[in-house]
Amino acid sequence: MFAKHVDVLSSYLTHSRSPVLFTSIFNKPSAMTSLIVLILVLYAASQTIPAVSSTTAYPSAPGTETTDCSVSGTDELIPVRREVYDGGRIIDISHRYTPDMPSFDSSDGIGQFLWLPKSMKNGSLANQSEIKLPAHTGTHVDAPGHFFDHYFDAGFDVDTLDLGVLNGPALLVDVPRDKNITAEVMKSLNIPKGVRRVLFRTLNTDRQLMFKKESDTSYVGFMKDGARWLVENTDIKLVGIDYLSAAAYDDLASAHFVFLEGREIILVEALKLDDIPAGIYSVHCLPLRLLGAEGSPIRCILIK
């Protein structure tokens, strides 16, 4: 923008009726200083403060703009929280972390997980938060060491998970709502060979279990025979599901053993699959690189 103003002004001077004046201005240091000041004044005058802070990274949603907002008027700065981006092309299927989101086998939710020990209001140079929460909280991923102690000791943590499995074409399917995922249910889904990533939407989504503070042991998950059928009869390597555990409560350990024993299948749990048509998408899931951790929060999106 600054260069544009220089070009405009130079063009004006060059094409004026006094070319000698133009030459003399640039040959006199004091005149040159005055010219630079004039350019800066013109540039500053052309700048306006937008009504709402809106950038590529933080776009404003239609209808949220305000007409009077300055840098100091922070009360009028309203952040927009979204579930879809880029005109609906990108869908966030991760749950937002809140103190009231459920924690497995707890009635109290996850509670406070965020602290602000360094605050600008208390004189710190910048705000700096600290986080403390279980690794298997909210939308998260399981590593083999979650249920196999020898894998844990050997270092099969979330940092060793294959990002090629966690990213790529995926099938979102609806599971029959009246039962856990058994071998019979898996057969009925008729998932074609060659499909490597499947997101299973169950009654958990209909019941909005991830939006309830108290953990619910009646959630839908895989029974041992359903997990075994998947391992032995499909090419699925990424199993996604819509509650805190891919394994049904009654087969909690045994189904996890089947899934994780071969170290080929990755479990992504507590996905947010509300109001998304079943079908084929591109899924992208990225866990934190937590050395030594058997689980990690994960951000997952679908791209149409």
Protein backbone atom coordinates (compact mmCIF):
# COMPACT_ATOMS: atom_id res chain seq x y z
CA MET A 1 0.00 0.00 0.00
CA PHE A 2 2.86 2.32 0.86
CA ALA A 3 4.52 1.63 -2.52
CA LYS A 4 1.22 2.43 -4.23
CA HIS A 5 1.17 5.88 -2.66
CA VAL A 6 4.77 6.48 -3.74
CA ASP A 7 3.93 5.47 -7.31
CA VAL A 8 0.87 7.72 -7.42
CA LEU A 9 2.72 10.72 -6.10
CA SER A 10 5.73 10.15 -8.34
CA SER A 11 3.46 9.82 -11.33
CA TYR A 12 1.74 13.06 -10.45
CA LEU A 13 5.03 14.91 -10.14
CA THR A 14 6.47 13.35 -13.28
CA HIS A 15 3.48 14.31 -15.40
CA SER A 16 3.03 17.77 -13.93
CA ARG A 17 3.66 20.86 -16.04
CA SER A 18 6.88 21.60 -14.15
CA PRO A 19 9.44 18.82 -14.78
CA VAL A 20 12.17 21.16 -13.63
CA LEU A 21 10.41 21.51 -10.27
CA PHE A 22 10.30 17.71 -9.92
CA THR A 23 14.05 17.45 -10.54
CA SER A 24 14.89 20.26 -8.18
CA ILE A 25 12.79 18.76 -5.37
CA PHE A 26 14.72 15.51 -5.43
CA ASN A 27 18.02 17.36 -5.56
CA LYS A 28 17.33 19.34 -2.36
CA PRO A 29 17.65 17.36 0.94
CA SER A 30 15.19 19.56 2.85
CA ALA A 31 12.61 19.35 0.10
CA MET A 32 13.15 15.62 -0.10
CA THR A 33 12.42 15.31 3.64
CA SER A 34 9.21 17.29 3.22
CA LEU A 35 8.14 15.03 0.39
CA ILE A 36 8.66 11.90 2.48
CA VAL A 37 6.62 13.42 5.33
CA LEU A 38 3.84 14.21 2.86
CA ILE A 39 3.83 10.64 1.60
CA LEU A 40 3.62 9.26 5.12
CA VAL A 41 0.72 11.58 5.96
CA LEU A 42 -1.17 10.48 2.86
CA TYR A 43 -0.57 6.83 3.69
CA ALA A 44 -1.76 7.22 7.29
CA ALA A 45 -4.88 9.06 6.20
CA SER A 46 -5.81 6.23 3.86
CA GLN A 47 -5.86 3.66 6.67
CA THR A 48 -9.13 2.99 8.52
CA ILE A 49 -9.85 0.82 11.53
CA PRO A 50 -12.36 -1.90 10.60
CA ALA A 51 -15.56 -2.11 12.58
CA VAL A 52 -14.79 -5.70 13.60
CA SER A 53 -11.41 -7.41 13.69
CA SER A 54 -11.78 -9.79 10.75
CA THR A 55 -8.91 -11.66 9.13
CA THR A 56 -8.39 -14.84 7.17
CA ALA A 57 -7.69 -16.71 10.40
CA TYR A 58 -10.57 -15.10 12.32
CA PRO A 59 -13.37 -14.37 9.83
CA SER A 60 -16.54 -12.62 10.93
CA ALA A 61 -19.81 -14.42 10.46
CA PRO A 62 -22.57 -12.57 8.57
CA GLY A 63 -24.70 -10.48 10.90
CA THR A 64 -22.10 -10.20 13.66
CA GLU A 65 -20.46 -6.97 12.53
CA THR A 66 -20.69 -3.93 14.81
CA THR A 67 -20.61 -0.32 13.69
CA ASP A 68 -18.54 1.16 16.49
CA CYS A 69 -15.57 -0.82 17.72
CA SER A 70 -12.08 0.36 18.52
CA VAL A 71 -9.00 -1.37 19.85
CA SER A 72 -9.81 -0.21 23.38
CA GLY A 73 -13.50 -1.14 23.16
CA THR A 74 -12.97 -4.80 23.98
CA ASP A 75 -16.52 -5.20 25.31
CA GLU A 76 -17.75 -5.08 21.73
CA LEU A 77 -15.35 -7.69 20.37
CA ILE A 78 -17.41 -10.83 19.91
CA PRO A 79 -15.59 -14.00 18.75
CA VAL A 80 -17.47 -16.29 16.40
CA ARG A 81 -17.33 -20.01 17.15
CA ARG A 82 -17.99 -22.33 14.24
CA GLU A 83 -18.61 -25.99 13.50
CA VAL A 84 -18.21 -25.64 9.72
CA TYR A 85 -15.74 -23.61 7.69
CA ASP A 86 -15.13 -22.52 4.12
CA GLY A 87 -18.79 -22.42 3.17
CA GLY A 88 -19.54 -25.84 4.65
CA ARG A 89 -16.65 -27.65 2.95
CA ILE A 90 -14.78 -28.27 6.23
CA ILE A 91 -16.62 -29.82 9.19
CA ASP A 92 -15.13 -29.91 12.66
CA ILE A 93 -15.89 -33.30 14.23
CA SER A 94 -14.01 -32.63 17.48
CA HIS A 95 -15.78 -31.71 20.69
CA ARG A 96 -15.08 -28.37 22.32
CA TYR A 97 -13.47 -28.78 25.75
CA THR A 98 -15.59 -27.47 28.63
CA PRO A 99 -15.59 -28.23 32.39
CA ASP A 100 -18.93 -30.02 32.00
CA MET A 101 -17.93 -32.44 29.26
CA PRO A 102 -18.06 -36.08 30.43
CA SER A 103 -15.09 -37.92 31.86
CA PHE A 104 -15.12 -41.72 31.67
CA ASP A 105 -16.67 -43.37 34.74
CA SER A 106 -17.27 -40.03 36.45
CA SER A 107 -20.41 -38.08 37.30
CA ASP A 108 -18.60 -34.77 37.75
CA GLY A 109 -17.38 -34.04 34.23
CA ILE A 110 -13.75 -33.14 33.63
CA GLY A 111 -13.99 -30.07 35.87
CA GLN A 112 -11.54 -27.21 35.67
CA PHE A 113 -8.79 -28.02 33.20
CA LEU A 114 -7.52 -24.54 32.32
CA TRP A 115 -5.68 -22.08 34.56
CA LEU A 116 -4.17 -18.65 33.90
CA PRO A 117 -1.18 -18.36 36.25
CA LYS A 118 0.30 -15.52 34.19
CA SER A 119 -2.24 -12.81 33.47
CA MET A 120 -1.82 -9.41 31.87
CA LYS A 121 -4.41 -8.10 34.32
CA ASN A 122 -2.02 -9.02 37.10
CA GLY A 123 0.98 -7.40 35.50
CA SER A 124 2.35 -10.19 33.31
CA LEU A 125 3.75 -9.28 29.92
CA ALA A 126 1.35 -11.73 28.22
CA ASN A 127 -1.44 -14.13 29.13
CA GLN A 128 -0.16 -17.70 29.50
CA SER A 129 -2.50 -20.58 30.35
CA GLU A 130 -1.78 -24.02 31.75
CA ILE A 131 -3.74 -27.18 30.94
CA LYS A 132 -4.25 -30.29 33.04
CA LEU A 133 -6.61 -33.06 31.93
CA PRO A 134 -6.61 -36.84 31.34
CA ALA A 135 -5.15 -37.91 27.99
CA HIS A 136 -8.36 -39.80 27.11
CA THR A 137 -10.64 -36.78 27.41
CA GLY A 138 -12.99 -35.42 24.79
CA THR A 139 -12.17 -36.33 21.20
CA HIS A 140 -9.00 -38.40 21.56
CA VAL A 141 -6.90 -41.20 20.16
CA ASP A 142 -5.72 -44.49 21.73
CA ALA A 143 -2.20 -45.84 21.28
CA PRO A 144 -1.39 -49.58 21.73
CA GLY A 145 0.05 -48.94 25.19
CA HIS A 146 -3.42 -48.00 26.46
CA PHE A 147 -4.32 -51.64 27.18
CA PHE A 148 -1.00 -53.47 26.71
CA ASP A 149 1.61 -52.72 29.34
CA HIS A 150 4.47 -54.29 27.40
CA TYR A 151 3.65 -51.99 24.47
CA PHE A 152 3.60 -49.06 26.88
CA ASP A 153 7.04 -50.01 28.24
CA ALA A 154 8.37 -50.52 24.72
CA GLY A 155 7.36 -46.98 23.74
CA PHE A 156 4.36 -47.53 21.46
CA ASP A 157 2.91 -44.12 22.34
CA VAL A 158 0.85 -41.58 20.38
CA ASP A 159 4.01 -40.21 18.79
CA THR A 160 4.43 -43.54 16.96
CA LEU A 161 0.94 -43.56 15.41
CA ASP A 162 0.79 -43.57 11.60
CA LEU A 163 -0.48 -40.23 10.28
CA GLY A 164 -1.14 -41.98 6.97
CA VAL A 165 -3.87 -43.95 8.72
CA LEU A 166 -5.24 -40.90 10.52
CA ASN A 167 -5.60 -38.90 7.29
CA GLY A 168 -7.34 -39.86 4.06
CA PRO A 169 -10.66 -40.99 2.54
CA ALA A 170 -13.17 -42.16 5.15
CA LEU A 171 -16.65 -43.62 5.25
CA LEU A 172 -19.22 -42.29 7.73
CA VAL A 173 -21.82 -44.99 8.43
CA ASP A 174 -24.94 -45.18 10.58
CA VAL A 175 -25.08 -48.16 12.91
CA PRO A 176 -28.44 -49.82 13.76
CA ARG A 177 -29.70 -47.96 16.79
CA ASP A 178 -30.99 -50.86 18.89
CA LYS A 179 -27.79 -52.72 19.76
CA ASN A 180 -24.04 -52.66 20.33
CA ILE A 181 -21.71 -53.31 17.41
CA THR A 182 -21.55 -57.09 17.19
CA ALA A 183 -20.27 -59.36 14.42
CA GLU A 184 -23.84 -59.51 13.13
CA VAL A 185 -24.05 -55.73 12.96
CA MET A 186 -20.69 -55.49 11.22
CA LYS A 187 -21.85 -57.97 8.57
CA SER A 188 -25.08 -56.00 8.03
CA LEU A 189 -23.15 -52.79 7.29
CA ASN A 190 -21.66 -54.35 4.13
CA ILE A 191 -18.52 -52.22 4.28
CA PRO A 192 -16.56 -52.92 1.06
CA LYS A 193 -13.07 -54.33 1.05
CA GLY A 194 -10.47 -51.64 0.54
CA VAL A 195 -12.14 -49.13 2.86
CA ARG A 196 -9.47 -48.24 5.44
CA ARG A 197 -11.18 -45.59 7.58
CA VAL A 198 -14.69 -45.82 9.00
CA LEU A 199 -16.51 -43.50 11.38
CA PHE A 200 -19.34 -45.28 13.17
CA ARG A 201 -22.30 -43.09 14.14
CA THR A 202 -24.48 -44.71 16.78
CA LEU A 203 -27.28 -44.05 19.21
CA ASN A 204 -24.69 -42.13 21.25
CA THR A 205 -25.05 -39.21 18.84
CA ASP A 206 -28.86 -39.32 18.97
CA ARG A 207 -28.74 -39.30 22.78
CA GLN A 208 -26.22 -36.44 22.82
CA LEU A 209 -24.12 -38.33 25.36
CA MET A 210 -21.03 -36.21 24.81
CA PHE A 211 -23.03 -33.15 25.85
CA LYS A 212 -23.99 -34.64 29.22
CA LYS A 213 -21.81 -34.06 32.26
CA GLU A 214 -22.30 -37.51 33.79
CA SER A 215 -20.61 -40.46 32.14
CA ASP A 216 -23.12 -43.00 30.79
CA THR A 217 -22.18 -46.69 30.83
CA SER A 218 -25.10 -47.59 28.54
CA TYR A 219 -23.34 -46.07 25.52
CA VAL A 220 -23.08 -48.05 22.27
CA GLY A 221 -19.72 -49.58 21.41
CA PHE A 222 -18.03 -52.64 19.95
CA MET A 223 -18.51 -56.01 21.54
CA LYS A 224 -15.55 -58.39 21.38
CA ASP A 225 -17.02 -60.41 18.49
CA GLY A 226 -17.73 -57.23 16.53
CA ALA A 227 -14.14 -56.06 16.97
CA ARG A 228 -12.88 -59.50 15.96
CA TRP A 229 -15.05 -59.56 12.84
CA LEU A 230 -13.73 -56.13 11.81
CA VAL A 231 -10.11 -57.17 12.30
CA GLU A 232 -10.46 -60.45 10.41
CA ASN A 233 -12.85 -59.50 7.59
CA THR A 234 -12.18 -55.87 6.63
CA ASP A 235 -9.29 -53.61 5.65
CA ILE A 236 -10.27 -50.99 8.23
CA LYS A 237 -7.32 -49.42 10.06
CA LEU A 238 -8.98 -46.31 11.51
CA VAL A 239 -12.03 -46.89 13.72
CA GLY A 240 -13.86 -43.74 14.78
CA ILE A 241 -16.81 -43.69 17.16
CA ASP A 242 -19.04 -41.13 18.88
CA TYR A 243 -18.39 -41.73 22.59
CA LEU A 244 -15.46 -41.94 24.98
CA SER A 245 -14.75 -45.61 24.25
CA ALA A 246 -14.86 -47.65 21.06
CA ALA A 247 -15.48 -50.75 23.20
CA ALA A 248 -18.86 -51.32 24.81
CA TYR A 249 -18.80 -51.08 28.60
CA ASP A 250 -19.47 -54.80 29.06
CA ASP A 251 -16.54 -55.70 26.79
CA LEU A 252 -14.35 -52.76 27.70
CA ALA A 253 -11.03 -54.58 27.99
CA SER A 254 -11.62 -57.52 25.64
CA ALA A 255 -12.68 -55.40 22.64
CA HIS A 256 -9.73 -53.06 23.17
CA PHE A 257 -7.42 -56.09 23.27
CA VAL A 258 -8.70 -57.23 19.88
CA PHE A 259 -8.34 -53.79 18.31
CA LEU A 260 -4.92 -52.87 19.70
CA GLU A 261 -3.06 -56.17 19.86
CA GLY A 262 -1.84 -56.07 16.25
CA ARG A 263 -0.76 -52.41 16.47
CA GLU A 264 -2.37 -51.80 13.08
CA ILE A 265 -5.73 -50.30 14.06
CA ILE A 266 -6.02 -46.81 15.50
CA LEU A 267 -9.02 -45.89 17.64
CA VAL A 268 -10.35 -42.33 17.55
CA GLU A 269 -13.04 -41.86 20.17
CA ALA A 270 -15.68 -39.26 21.09
CA LEU A 271 -16.16 -37.85 17.61
CA LYS A 272 -18.84 -35.21 17.04
CA LEU A 273 -20.95 -36.59 14.19
CA ASP A 274 -24.18 -34.61 14.59
CA ASP A 275 -26.08 -33.49 11.48
CA ILE A 276 -23.57 -34.82 8.96
CA PRO A 277 -24.91 -36.91 6.06
CA ALA A 278 -23.50 -40.43 5.87
CA GLY A 279 -21.08 -40.89 3.04
CA ILE A 280 -17.50 -40.52 1.89
CA TYR A 281 -15.29 -37.71 3.15
CA SER A 282 -11.64 -36.91 3.61
CA VAL A 283 -10.81 -37.18 7.30
CA HIS A 284 -7.87 -35.42 8.91
CA CYS A 285 -6.91 -36.19 12.52
CA LEU A 286 -3.78 -34.93 14.25
CA PRO A 287 -2.84 -35.99 17.81
CA LEU A 288 -0.34 -34.14 19.94
CA ARG A 289 3.21 -35.51 19.88
CA LEU A 290 3.24 -36.55 23.53
CA LEU A 291 6.29 -38.73 24.10
CA GLY A 292 5.38 -41.62 26.37
CA ALA A 293 1.61 -40.99 26.34
CA GLU A 294 -0.81 -43.83 25.51
CA GLY A 295 -3.52 -41.35 24.50
CA SER A 296 -3.92 -37.79 23.33
CA PRO A 297 -6.55 -35.19 22.57
CA ILE A 298 -6.95 -35.00 18.81
CA ARG A 299 -8.41 -32.45 16.40
CA CYS A 300 -10.39 -34.10 13.61
CA ILE A 301 -12.07 -32.54 10.61
CA LEU A 302 -13.98 -33.83 7.62
CA ILE A 303 -13.55 -32.27 4.19
CA LYS A 304 -16.25 -32.77 1.59
